Amino acid sequence: AILVLAPFIWISTIAFKKQIDILMMKMVFKPTLFNFDKLFFSKEATFF
C-alpha cells in the first residue's frame, strides 16, 4: 500500500508547495493554492 500510495502522496505535497520550497526540498512547508491558481486562471492557462 505504501509503494502504491507513495507517488500519489509525493505529487500531492508538491502540488501545494511554492517553487522555492520544491527546489529547496523542504519537508515542512506552508500549503498554498498558488499552483492551482496558475494552472487554471493565469493569462496563458489553457487547462480548462
All heavy atoms as atom14 arrays in JSON, in Angstrom:
{
  "sequence": "AILVLAPFIWISTIAFKKQIDILMMKMVFKPTLFNFDKLFFSKEATFF",
  "atom14_mask": [
    [1, 1, 1, 1, 1, 0, 0, 0, 0, 0, 0, 0, 0, 0],
    [1, 1, 1, 1, 1, 1, 1, 1, 0, 0, 0, 0, 0, 0],
    [1, 1, 1, 1, 1, 1, 1, 1, 0, 0, 0, 0, 0, 0],
    [1, 1, 1, 1, 1, 1, 1, 0, 0, 0, 0, 0, 0, 0],
    [1, 1, 1, 1, 1, 1, 1, 1, 0, 0, 0, 0, 0, 0],
    [1, 1, 1, 1, 1, 0, 0, 0, 0, 0, 0, 0, 0, 0],
    [1, 1, 1, 1, 1, 1, 1, 0, 0, 0, 0, 0, 0, 0],
    [1, 1, 1, 1, 1, 1, 1, 1, 1, 1, 1, 0, 0, 0],
    [1, 1, 1, 1, 1, 1, 1, 1, 0, 0, 0, 0, 0, 0],
    [1, 1, 1, 1, 1, 1, 1, 1, 1, 1, 1, 1, 1, 1],
    [1, 1, 1, 1, 1, 1, 1, 1, 0, 0, 0, 0, 0, 0],
    [1, 1, 1, 1, 1, 1, 0, 0, 0, 0, 0, 0, 0, 0],
    [1, 1, 1, 1, 1, 1, 1, 0, 0, 0, 0, 0, 0, 0],
    [1, 1, 1, 1, 1, 1, 1, 1, 0, 0, 0, 0, 0, 0],
    [1, 1, 1, 1, 1, 0, 0, 0, 0, 0, 0, 0, 0, 0],
    [1, 1, 1, 1, 1, 1, 1, 1, 1, 1, 1, 0, 0, 0],
    [1, 1, 1, 1, 1, 1, 1, 1, 1, 0, 0, 0, 0, 0],
    [1, 1, 1, 1, 1, 1, 1, 1, 1, 0, 0, 0, 0, 0],
    [1, 1, 1, 1, 1, 1, 1, 1, 1, 0, 0, 0, 0, 0],
    [1, 1, 1, 1, 1, 1, 1, 1, 0, 0, 0, 0, 0, 0],
    [1, 1, 1, 1, 1, 1, 1, 1, 0, 0, 0, 0, 0, 0],
    [1, 1, 1, 1, 1, 1, 1, 1, 0, 0, 0, 0, 0, 0],
    [1, 1, 1, 1, 1, 1, 1, 1, 0, 0, 0, 0, 0, 0],
    [1, 1, 1, 1, 1, 1, 1, 1, 0, 0, 0, 0, 0, 0],
    [1, 1, 1, 1, 1, 1, 1, 1, 0, 0, 0, 0, 0, 0],
    [1, 1, 1, 1, 1, 1, 1, 1, 1, 0, 0, 0, 0, 0],
    [1, 1, 1, 1, 1, 1, 1, 1, 0, 0, 0, 0, 0, 0],
    [1, 1, 1, 1, 1, 1, 1, 0, 0, 0, 0, 0, 0, 0],
    [1, 1, 1, 1, 1, 1, 1, 1, 1, 1, 1, 0, 0, 0],
    [1, 1, 1, 1, 1, 1, 1, 1, 1, 0, 0, 0, 0, 0],
    [1, 1, 1, 1, 1, 1, 1, 0, 0, 0, 0, 0, 0, 0],
    [1, 1, 1, 1, 1, 1, 1, 0, 0, 0, 0, 0, 0, 0],
    [1, 1, 1, 1, 1, 1, 1, 1, 0, 0, 0, 0, 0, 0],
    [1, 1, 1, 1, 1, 1, 1, 1, 1, 1, 1, 0, 0, 0],
    [1, 1, 1, 1, 1, 1, 1, 1, 0, 0, 0, 0, 0, 0],
    [1, 1, 1, 1, 1, 1, 1, 1, 1, 1, 1, 0, 0, 0],
    [1, 1, 1, 1, 1, 1, 1, 1, 0, 0, 0, 0, 0, 0],
    [1, 1, 1, 1, 1, 1, 1, 1, 1, 0, 0, 0, 0, 0],
    [1, 1, 1, 1, 1, 1, 1, 1, 0, 0, 0, 0, 0, 0],
    [1, 1, 1, 1, 1, 1, 1, 1, 1, 1, 1, 0, 0, 0],
    [1, 1, 1, 1, 1, 1, 1, 1, 1, 1, 1, 0, 0, 0],
    [1, 1, 1, 1, 1, 1, 0, 0, 0, 0, 0, 0, 0, 0],
    [1, 1, 1, 1, 1, 1, 1, 1, 1, 0, 0, 0, 0, 0],
    [1, 1, 1, 1, 1, 1, 1, 1, 1, 0, 0, 0, 0, 0],
    [1, 1, 1, 1, 1, 0, 0, 0, 0, 0, 0, 0, 0, 0],
    [1, 1, 1, 1, 1, 1, 1, 0, 0, 0, 0, 0, 0, 0],
    [1, 1, 1, 1, 1, 1, 1, 1, 1, 1, 1, 0, 0, 0],
    [1, 1, 1, 1, 1, 1, 1, 1, 1, 1, 1, 0, 0, 0]
  ],
  "atom14_positions": [
    [[0.84, -1.21, 0.0], [0.0, 0.0, 0.0], [0.86, 1.25, 0.0], [0.57, 2.23, -0.7], [-0.93, -0.01, 1.21], [0.0, 0.0, 0.0], [0.0, 0.0, 0.0], [0.0, 0.0, 0.0], [0.0, 0.0, 0.0], [0.0, 0.0, 0.0], [0.0, 0.0, 0.0], [0.0, 0.0, 0.0], [0.0, 0.0, 0.0], [0.0, 0.0, 0.0]],
    [[1.95, 1.21, 0.77], [2.87, 2.35, 0.79], [3.53, 2.54, -0.57], [3.67, 3.67, -1.06], [3.93, 2.16, 1.88], [3.27, 2.23, 3.26], [5.02, 3.21, 1.77], [4.21, 1.89, 4.4], [0.0, 0.0, 0.0], [0.0, 0.0, 0.0], [0.0, 0.0, 0.0], [0.0, 0.0, 0.0], [0.0, 0.0, 0.0], [0.0, 0.0, 0.0]],
    [[3.91, 1.44, -1.22], [4.5, 1.53, -2.55], [3.55, 2.18, -3.55], [3.96, 2.97, -4.41], [4.91, 0.14, -3.04], [6.15, -0.5, -2.43], [6.4, -1.86, -3.05], [7.37, 0.39, -2.61], [0.0, 0.0, 0.0], [0.0, 0.0, 0.0], [0.0, 0.0, 0.0], [0.0, 0.0, 0.0], [0.0, 0.0, 0.0], [0.0, 0.0, 0.0]],
    [[2.26, 1.82, -3.45], [1.28, 2.36, -4.39], [0.96, 3.82, -4.08], [0.85, 4.65, -4.99], [-0.02, 1.51, -4.34], [-1.12, 2.17, -5.17], [0.26, 0.11, -4.86], [0.0, 0.0, 0.0], [0.0, 0.0, 0.0], [0.0, 0.0, 0.0], [0.0, 0.0, 0.0], [0.0, 0.0, 0.0], [0.0, 0.0, 0.0], [0.0, 0.0, 0.0]],
    [[0.85, 4.15, -2.79], [0.42, 5.5, -2.4], [1.56, 6.51, -2.36], [1.31, 7.72, -2.41], [-0.24, 5.44, -1.02], [-1.57, 4.69, -0.95], [-2.06, 4.64, 0.5], [-2.63, 5.35, -1.84], [0.0, 0.0, 0.0], [0.0, 0.0, 0.0], [0.0, 0.0, 0.0], [0.0, 0.0, 0.0], [0.0, 0.0, 0.0], [0.0, 0.0, 0.0]],
    [[2.8, 6.04, -2.26], [3.93, 6.97, -2.13], [4.02, 7.97, -3.29], [4.17, 9.18, -3.04], [5.23, 6.19, -1.99], [0.0, 0.0, 0.0], [0.0, 0.0, 0.0], [0.0, 0.0, 0.0], [0.0, 0.0, 0.0], [0.0, 0.0, 0.0], [0.0, 0.0, 0.0], [0.0, 0.0, 0.0], [0.0, 0.0, 0.0], [0.0, 0.0, 0.0]],
    [[3.93, 7.54, -4.56], [3.99, 8.54, -5.64], [2.84, 9.55, -5.58], [3.04, 10.75, -5.84], [3.9, 7.69, -6.92], [4.35, 6.34, -6.5], [3.88, 6.18, -5.1], [0.0, 0.0, 0.0], [0.0, 0.0, 0.0], [0.0, 0.0, 0.0], [0.0, 0.0, 0.0], [0.0, 0.0, 0.0], [0.0, 0.0, 0.0], [0.0, 0.0, 0.0]],
    [[1.65, 9.06, -5.23], [0.49, 9.96, -5.12], [0.7, 10.99, -4.01], [0.41, 12.18, -4.19], [-0.77, 9.13, -4.84], [-1.99, 9.96, -4.57], [-2.67, 10.57, -5.61], [-2.46, 10.11, -3.27], [-3.8, 11.35, -5.36], [-3.58, 10.88, -3.02], [-4.25, 11.49, -4.06], [0.0, 0.0, 0.0], [0.0, 0.0, 0.0], [0.0, 0.0, 0.0]],
    [[1.21, 10.54, -2.87], [1.46, 11.47, -1.75], [2.54, 12.47, -2.12], [2.45, 13.66, -1.82], [1.84, 10.68, -0.48], [0.67, 9.79, -0.04], [2.26, 11.61, 0.64], [1.02, 8.84, 1.09], [0.0, 0.0, 0.0], [0.0, 0.0, 0.0], [0.0, 0.0, 0.0], [0.0, 0.0, 0.0], [0.0, 0.0, 0.0], [0.0, 0.0, 0.0]],
    [[3.58, 11.99, -2.8], [4.68, 12.88, -3.2], [4.19, 13.96, -4.15], [4.5, 15.15, -3.98], [5.77, 12.04, -3.84], [6.97, 12.84, -4.29], [7.92, 13.41, -3.5], [7.33, 13.15, -5.64], [8.86, 14.05, -4.27], [8.53, 13.91, -5.59], [6.77, 12.84, -6.89], [9.16, 14.37, -6.74], [7.41, 13.3, -8.02], [8.58, 14.06, -7.94]],
    [[3.39, 13.57, -5.17], [2.84, 14.56, -6.12], [1.9, 15.52, -5.4], [1.88, 16.73, -5.68], [2.12, 13.83, -7.27], [3.13, 13.07, -8.12], [1.34, 14.82, -8.13], [2.5, 12.22, -9.2], [0.0, 0.0, 0.0], [0.0, 0.0, 0.0], [0.0, 0.0, 0.0], [0.0, 0.0, 0.0], [0.0, 0.0, 0.0], [0.0, 0.0, 0.0]],
    [[1.11, 14.99, -4.46], [0.16, 15.85, -3.73], [0.88, 16.91, -2.92], [0.46, 18.07, -2.88], [-0.71, 14.99, -2.82], [-1.44, 14.03, -3.57], [0.0, 0.0, 0.0], [0.0, 0.0, 0.0], [0.0, 0.0, 0.0], [0.0, 0.0, 0.0], [0.0, 0.0, 0.0], [0.0, 0.0, 0.0], [0.0, 0.0, 0.0], [0.0, 0.0, 0.0]],
    [[1.97, 16.54, -2.27], [2.71, 17.53, -1.48], [3.35, 18.6, -2.38], [3.33, 19.78, -2.04], [3.79, 16.84, -0.64], [4.65, 16.08, -1.51], [3.17, 15.93, 0.39], [0.0, 0.0, 0.0], [0.0, 0.0, 0.0], [0.0, 0.0, 0.0], [0.0, 0.0, 0.0], [0.0, 0.0, 0.0], [0.0, 0.0, 0.0], [0.0, 0.0, 0.0]],
    [[3.88, 18.2, -3.51], [4.5, 19.16, -4.42], [3.45, 20.13, -4.98], [3.73, 21.32, -5.18], [5.22, 18.42, -5.56], [6.44, 17.69, -5.02], [5.64, 19.39, -6.67], [7.2, 16.93, -6.07], [0.0, 0.0, 0.0], [0.0, 0.0, 0.0], [0.0, 0.0, 0.0], [0.0, 0.0, 0.0], [0.0, 0.0, 0.0], [0.0, 0.0, 0.0]],
    [[2.23, 19.62, -5.22], [1.19, 20.47, -5.78], [0.84, 21.64, -4.87], [0.37, 22.68, -5.34], [-0.06, 19.64, -6.07], [0.0, 0.0, 0.0], [0.0, 0.0, 0.0], [0.0, 0.0, 0.0], [0.0, 0.0, 0.0], [0.0, 0.0, 0.0], [0.0, 0.0, 0.0], [0.0, 0.0, 0.0], [0.0, 0.0, 0.0], [0.0, 0.0, 0.0]],
    [[1.07, 21.5, -3.58], [0.72, 22.55, -2.62], [1.95, 23.3, -2.1], [1.87, 24.01, -1.11], [-0.06, 21.94, -1.44], [-1.41, 21.42, -1.82], [-1.59, 20.08, -2.09], [-2.5, 22.28, -1.93], [-2.84, 19.59, -2.45], [-3.74, 21.79, -2.29], [-3.92, 20.45, -2.55], [0.0, 0.0, 0.0], [0.0, 0.0, 0.0], [0.0, 0.0, 0.0]],
    [[3.09, 23.12, -2.78], [4.31, 23.83, -2.4], [4.58, 24.99, -3.35], [4.19, 24.95, -4.53], [5.52, 22.89, -2.44], [5.63, 21.9, -1.3], [6.9, 21.08, -1.45], [7.07, 20.07, -0.32], [8.34, 19.3, -0.48], [0.0, 0.0, 0.0], [0.0, 0.0, 0.0], [0.0, 0.0, 0.0], [0.0, 0.0, 0.0], [0.0, 0.0, 0.0]],
    [[5.27, 26.0, -2.86], [5.79, 27.04, -3.72], [7.04, 26.52, -4.43], [7.68, 25.56, -3.98], [6.13, 28.29, -2.91], [4.92, 28.98, -2.3], [5.33, 30.22, -1.53], [4.12, 30.91, -0.92], [4.51, 32.12, -0.15], [0.0, 0.0, 0.0], [0.0, 0.0, 0.0], [0.0, 0.0, 0.0], [0.0, 0.0, 0.0], [0.0, 0.0, 0.0]],
    [[7.38, 27.16, -5.55], [8.52, 26.69, -6.34], [9.81, 26.7, -5.52], [10.61, 25.77, -5.62], [8.68, 27.59, -7.58], [9.78, 27.16, -8.54], [9.38, 25.99, -9.41], [8.37, 25.34, -9.19], [10.19, 25.71, -10.42], [0.0, 0.0, 0.0], [0.0, 0.0, 0.0], [0.0, 0.0, 0.0], [0.0, 0.0, 0.0], [0.0, 0.0, 0.0]],
    [[9.98, 27.71, -4.69], [11.2, 27.8, -3.89], [11.28, 26.67, -2.88], [12.34, 26.11, -2.6], [11.31, 29.18, -3.17], [12.64, 29.31, -2.46], [10.14, 29.38, -2.23], [13.83, 29.3, -3.37], [0.0, 0.0, 0.0], [0.0, 0.0, 0.0], [0.0, 0.0, 0.0], [0.0, 0.0, 0.0], [0.0, 0.0, 0.0], [0.0, 0.0, 0.0]],
    [[10.12, 26.29, -2.31], [10.09, 25.18, -1.36], [10.41, 23.85, -2.05], [11.05, 22.97, -1.47], [8.73, 25.09, -0.68], [8.45, 26.29, 0.2], [9.42, 26.91, 0.68], [7.26, 26.62, 0.41], [0.0, 0.0, 0.0], [0.0, 0.0, 0.0], [0.0, 0.0, 0.0], [0.0, 0.0, 0.0], [0.0, 0.0, 0.0], [0.0, 0.0, 0.0]],
    [[9.95, 23.73, -3.3], [10.22, 22.5, -4.06], [11.71, 22.39, -4.36], [12.32, 21.33, -4.17], [9.41, 22.48, -5.36], [7.91, 22.49, -5.06], [9.77, 21.27, -6.2], [7.03, 22.67, -6.28], [0.0, 0.0, 0.0], [0.0, 0.0, 0.0], [0.0, 0.0, 0.0], [0.0, 0.0, 0.0], [0.0, 0.0, 0.0], [0.0, 0.0, 0.0]],
    [[12.31, 23.49, -4.81], [13.74, 23.47, -5.16], [14.62, 23.26, -3.94], [15.69, 22.65, -4.04], [14.11, 24.76, -5.88], [13.41, 25.0, -7.24], [13.79, 26.35, -7.81], [13.75, 23.88, -8.22], [0.0, 0.0, 0.0], [0.0, 0.0, 0.0], [0.0, 0.0, 0.0], [0.0, 0.0, 0.0], [0.0, 0.0, 0.0], [0.0, 0.0, 0.0]],
    [[14.16, 23.77, -2.78], [14.93, 23.6, -1.54], [14.63, 22.27, -0.85], [15.2, 21.95, 0.17], [14.65, 24.76, -0.59], [15.16, 26.1, -1.09], [14.8, 27.46, 0.05], [15.79, 26.97, 1.47], [0.0, 0.0, 0.0], [0.0, 0.0, 0.0], [0.0, 0.0, 0.0], [0.0, 0.0, 0.0], [0.0, 0.0, 0.0], [0.0, 0.0, 0.0]],
    [[13.66, 21.51, -1.43], [13.28, 20.18, -0.92], [12.86, 20.25, 0.54], [13.27, 19.42, 1.36], [14.42, 19.19, -1.11], [14.86, 19.02, -2.55], [16.15, 17.78, -2.78], [15.25, 16.28, -2.35], [0.0, 0.0, 0.0], [0.0, 0.0, 0.0], [0.0, 0.0, 0.0], [0.0, 0.0, 0.0], [0.0, 0.0, 0.0], [0.0, 0.0, 0.0]],
    [[12.05, 21.25, 0.86], [11.56, 21.39, 2.23], [10.53, 20.32, 2.54], [9.59, 20.1, 1.78], [10.94, 22.78, 2.43], [11.94, 23.91, 2.51], [11.25, 25.21, 2.87], [12.23, 26.35, 3.04], [11.54, 27.62, 3.4], [0.0, 0.0, 0.0], [0.0, 0.0, 0.0], [0.0, 0.0, 0.0], [0.0, 0.0, 0.0], [0.0, 0.0, 0.0]],
    [[10.68, 19.68, 3.67], [9.71, 18.69, 4.12], [8.58, 19.35, 4.9], [7.45, 18.86, 4.89], [10.4, 17.64, 4.99], [11.5, 16.87, 4.27], [10.89, 16.01, 2.78], [9.79, 14.82, 3.55], [0.0, 0.0, 0.0], [0.0, 0.0, 0.0], [0.0, 0.0, 0.0], [0.0, 0.0, 0.0], [0.0, 0.0, 0.0], [0.0, 0.0, 0.0]],
    [[8.88, 20.44, 5.59], [7.87, 21.21, 6.32], [7.64, 22.51, 5.56], [8.59, 23.27, 5.32], [8.32, 21.51, 7.77], [7.26, 22.31, 8.5], [8.62, 20.21, 8.5], [0.0, 0.0, 0.0], [0.0, 0.0, 0.0], [0.0, 0.0, 0.0], [0.0, 0.0, 0.0], [0.0, 0.0, 0.0], [0.0, 0.0, 0.0], [0.0, 0.0, 0.0]],
    [[6.42, 22.77, 5.19], [6.12, 23.93, 4.36], [4.7, 24.41, 4.65], [3.88, 23.69, 5.23], [6.26, 23.59, 2.87], [5.31, 22.51, 2.41], [4.08, 22.82, 1.86], [5.66, 21.16, 2.56], [3.21, 21.81, 1.45], [4.79, 20.15, 2.16], [3.57, 20.48, 1.6], [0.0, 0.0, 0.0], [0.0, 0.0, 0.0], [0.0, 0.0, 0.0]],
    [[4.4, 25.62, 4.22], [3.07, 26.18, 4.35], [2.3, 25.92, 3.07], [2.66, 26.4, 1.99], [3.15, 27.69, 4.61], [1.79, 28.33, 4.83], [1.93, 29.82, 5.09], [0.56, 30.46, 5.3], [0.68, 31.93, 5.55], [0.0, 0.0, 0.0], [0.0, 0.0, 0.0], [0.0, 0.0, 0.0], [0.0, 0.0, 0.0], [0.0, 0.0, 0.0]],
    [[1.2, 25.14, 3.14], [0.45, 24.81, 1.92], [-0.09, 26.06, 1.23], [-0.48, 27.03, 1.87], [-0.69, 23.92, 2.43], [-0.21, 23.4, 3.75], [0.64, 24.49, 4.33], [0.0, 0.0, 0.0], [0.0, 0.0, 0.0], [0.0, 0.0, 0.0], [0.0, 0.0, 0.0], [0.0, 0.0, 0.0], [0.0, 0.0, 0.0], [0.0, 0.0, 0.0]],
    [[-0.13, 26.02, -0.09], [-0.62, 27.13, -0.89], [-1.38, 26.6, -2.09], [-1.1, 25.5, -2.58], [0.53, 28.03, -1.36], [0.01, 29.08, -2.17], [1.55, 27.24, -2.16], [0.0, 0.0, 0.0], [0.0, 0.0, 0.0], [0.0, 0.0, 0.0], [0.0, 0.0, 0.0], [0.0, 0.0, 0.0], [0.0, 0.0, 0.0], [0.0, 0.0, 0.0]],
    [[-2.34, 27.39, -2.57], [-3.09, 27.05, -3.77], [-2.56, 27.8, -4.99], [-3.22, 27.88, -6.03], [-4.57, 27.37, -3.57], [-5.3, 26.55, -2.5], [-6.73, 27.05, -2.34], [-5.29, 25.07, -2.84], [0.0, 0.0, 0.0], [0.0, 0.0, 0.0], [0.0, 0.0, 0.0], [0.0, 0.0, 0.0], [0.0, 0.0, 0.0], [0.0, 0.0, 0.0]],
    [[-1.37, 28.34, -4.87], [-0.78, 29.16, -5.94], [-0.67, 28.36, -7.25], [-0.96, 28.88, -8.33], [0.59, 29.67, -5.51], [1.32, 30.41, -6.59], [0.99, 31.73, -6.89], [2.34, 29.79, -7.31], [1.67, 32.41, -7.9], [3.01, 30.47, -8.31], [2.68, 31.78, -8.61], [0.0, 0.0, 0.0], [0.0, 0.0, 0.0], [0.0, 0.0, 0.0]],
    [[-0.24, 27.11, -7.15], [-0.06, 26.31, -8.36], [-1.38, 26.06, -9.08], [-1.44, 26.1, -10.31], [0.6, 24.97, -8.0], [2.01, 25.16, -7.46], [2.78, 25.96, -7.98], [2.34, 24.44, -6.4], [0.0, 0.0, 0.0], [0.0, 0.0, 0.0], [0.0, 0.0, 0.0], [0.0, 0.0, 0.0], [0.0, 0.0, 0.0], [0.0, 0.0, 0.0]],
    [[-2.44, 25.79, -8.33], [-3.75, 25.57, -8.94], [-4.28, 26.86, -9.55], [-4.94, 26.84, -10.6], [-4.73, 25.03, -7.9], [-4.39, 23.66, -7.41], [-3.61, 23.47, -6.27], [-4.82, 22.53, -8.09], [-3.28, 22.21, -5.81], [-4.5, 21.26, -7.64], [-3.74, 21.11, -6.5], [0.0, 0.0, 0.0], [0.0, 0.0, 0.0], [0.0, 0.0, 0.0]],
    [[-4.02, 27.99, -8.89], [-4.44, 29.28, -9.44], [-3.73, 29.56, -10.76], [-4.36, 30.01, -11.73], [-4.14, 30.38, -8.43], [-4.63, 31.74, -8.9], [-5.85, 31.92, -9.03], [-3.78, 32.63, -9.16], [0.0, 0.0, 0.0], [0.0, 0.0, 0.0], [0.0, 0.0, 0.0], [0.0, 0.0, 0.0], [0.0, 0.0, 0.0], [0.0, 0.0, 0.0]],
    [[-2.43, 29.29, -10.82], [-1.68, 29.47, -12.07], [-2.14, 28.49, -13.14], [-2.2, 28.83, -14.33], [-0.18, 29.29, -11.8], [0.46, 30.4, -11.01], [0.75, 31.6, -11.88], [1.86, 31.31, -12.87], [2.2, 32.5, -13.71], [0.0, 0.0, 0.0], [0.0, 0.0, 0.0], [0.0, 0.0, 0.0], [0.0, 0.0, 0.0], [0.0, 0.0, 0.0]],
    [[-2.49, 27.29, -12.71], [-2.89, 26.24, -13.65], [-4.18, 26.6, -14.37], [-4.32, 26.39, -15.59], [-3.05, 24.92, -12.9], [-3.43, 23.69, -13.72], [-2.3, 23.29, -14.64], [-3.81, 22.53, -12.8], [0.0, 0.0, 0.0], [0.0, 0.0, 0.0], [0.0, 0.0, 0.0], [0.0, 0.0, 0.0], [0.0, 0.0, 0.0], [0.0, 0.0, 0.0]],
    [[-5.13, 27.18, -13.63], [-6.45, 27.42, -14.2], [-6.71, 28.88, -14.59], [-7.48, 29.14, -15.53], [-7.54, 26.98, -13.21], [-7.65, 25.49, -13.06], [-7.19, 24.85, -11.93], [-8.23, 24.72, -14.06], [-7.3, 23.48, -11.78], [-8.35, 23.35, -13.93], [-7.88, 22.73, -12.78], [0.0, 0.0, 0.0], [0.0, 0.0, 0.0], [0.0, 0.0, 0.0]],
    [[-6.11, 29.83, -13.89], [-6.56, 31.22, -14.03], [-5.48, 32.2, -14.48], [-5.74, 33.4, -14.53], [-7.15, 31.7, -12.7], [-8.27, 30.84, -12.2], [-8.11, 30.05, -11.06], [-9.48, 30.78, -12.87], [-9.14, 29.25, -10.59], [-10.51, 29.97, -12.41], [-10.34, 29.21, -11.27], [0.0, 0.0, 0.0], [0.0, 0.0, 0.0], [0.0, 0.0, 0.0]],
    [[-4.29, 31.73, -14.8], [-3.27, 32.64, -15.32], [-3.62, 33.03, -16.76], [-4.47, 32.41, -17.41], [-1.89, 31.99, -15.26], [-1.85, 30.84, -16.09], [0.0, 0.0, 0.0], [0.0, 0.0, 0.0], [0.0, 0.0, 0.0], [0.0, 0.0, 0.0], [0.0, 0.0, 0.0], [0.0, 0.0, 0.0], [0.0, 0.0, 0.0], [0.0, 0.0, 0.0]],
    [[-2.95, 34.06, -17.27], [-3.26, 34.57, -18.61], [-2.99, 33.53, -19.69], [-3.7, 33.47, -20.7], [-2.44, 35.83, -18.88], [-2.86, 37.02, -18.03], [-2.05, 38.26, -18.39], [-2.5, 39.46, -17.55], [-1.73, 40.69, -17.88], [0.0, 0.0, 0.0], [0.0, 0.0, 0.0], [0.0, 0.0, 0.0], [0.0, 0.0, 0.0], [0.0, 0.0, 0.0]],
    [[-1.95, 32.73, -19.5], [-1.6, 31.73, -20.51], [-2.24, 30.37, -20.24], [-1.98, 29.4, -20.97], [-0.08, 31.57, -20.59], [0.57, 30.9, -19.39], [0.89, 31.88, -18.27], [0.44, 33.04, -18.35], [1.57, 31.47, -17.31], [0.0, 0.0, 0.0], [0.0, 0.0, 0.0], [0.0, 0.0, 0.0], [0.0, 0.0, 0.0], [0.0, 0.0, 0.0]],
    [[-3.09, 30.27, -19.22], [-3.68, 28.98, -18.83], [-4.63, 28.47, -19.9], [-5.47, 29.21, -20.42], [-4.39, 29.12, -17.49], [0.0, 0.0, 0.0], [0.0, 0.0, 0.0], [0.0, 0.0, 0.0], [0.0, 0.0, 0.0], [0.0, 0.0, 0.0], [0.0, 0.0, 0.0], [0.0, 0.0, 0.0], [0.0, 0.0, 0.0], [0.0, 0.0, 0.0]],
    [[-4.52, 27.19, -20.22], [-5.42, 26.53, -21.17], [-5.95, 25.21, -20.59], [-6.48, 24.38, -21.32], [-4.69, 26.23, -22.49], [-3.58, 25.34, -22.22], [-4.17, 27.5, -23.14], [0.0, 0.0, 0.0], [0.0, 0.0, 0.0], [0.0, 0.0, 0.0], [0.0, 0.0, 0.0], [0.0, 0.0, 0.0], [0.0, 0.0, 0.0], [0.0, 0.0, 0.0]],
    [[-5.8, 25.02, -19.27], [-6.08, 23.7, -18.69], [-7.56, 23.34, -18.74], [-7.91, 22.18, -18.9], [-5.57, 23.64, -17.25], [-5.2, 22.24, -16.82], [-4.12, 21.58, -17.38], [-5.95, 21.57, -15.87], [-3.78, 20.3, -16.99], [-5.63, 20.29, -15.48], [-4.54, 19.65, -16.04], [0.0, 0.0, 0.0], [0.0, 0.0, 0.0], [0.0, 0.0, 0.0]],
    [[-8.44, 24.32, -18.6], [-9.88, 24.04, -18.74], [-10.17, 23.49, -20.13], [-10.92, 22.5, -20.28], [-10.71, 25.3, -18.49], [-10.96, 25.6, -17.04], [-10.54, 26.8, -16.48], [-11.61, 24.68, -16.22], [-10.76, 27.07, -15.14], [-11.84, 24.95, -14.88], [-11.41, 26.15, -14.34], [0.0, 0.0, 0.0], [0.0, 0.0, 0.0], [0.0, 0.0, 0.0]]
  ]
}
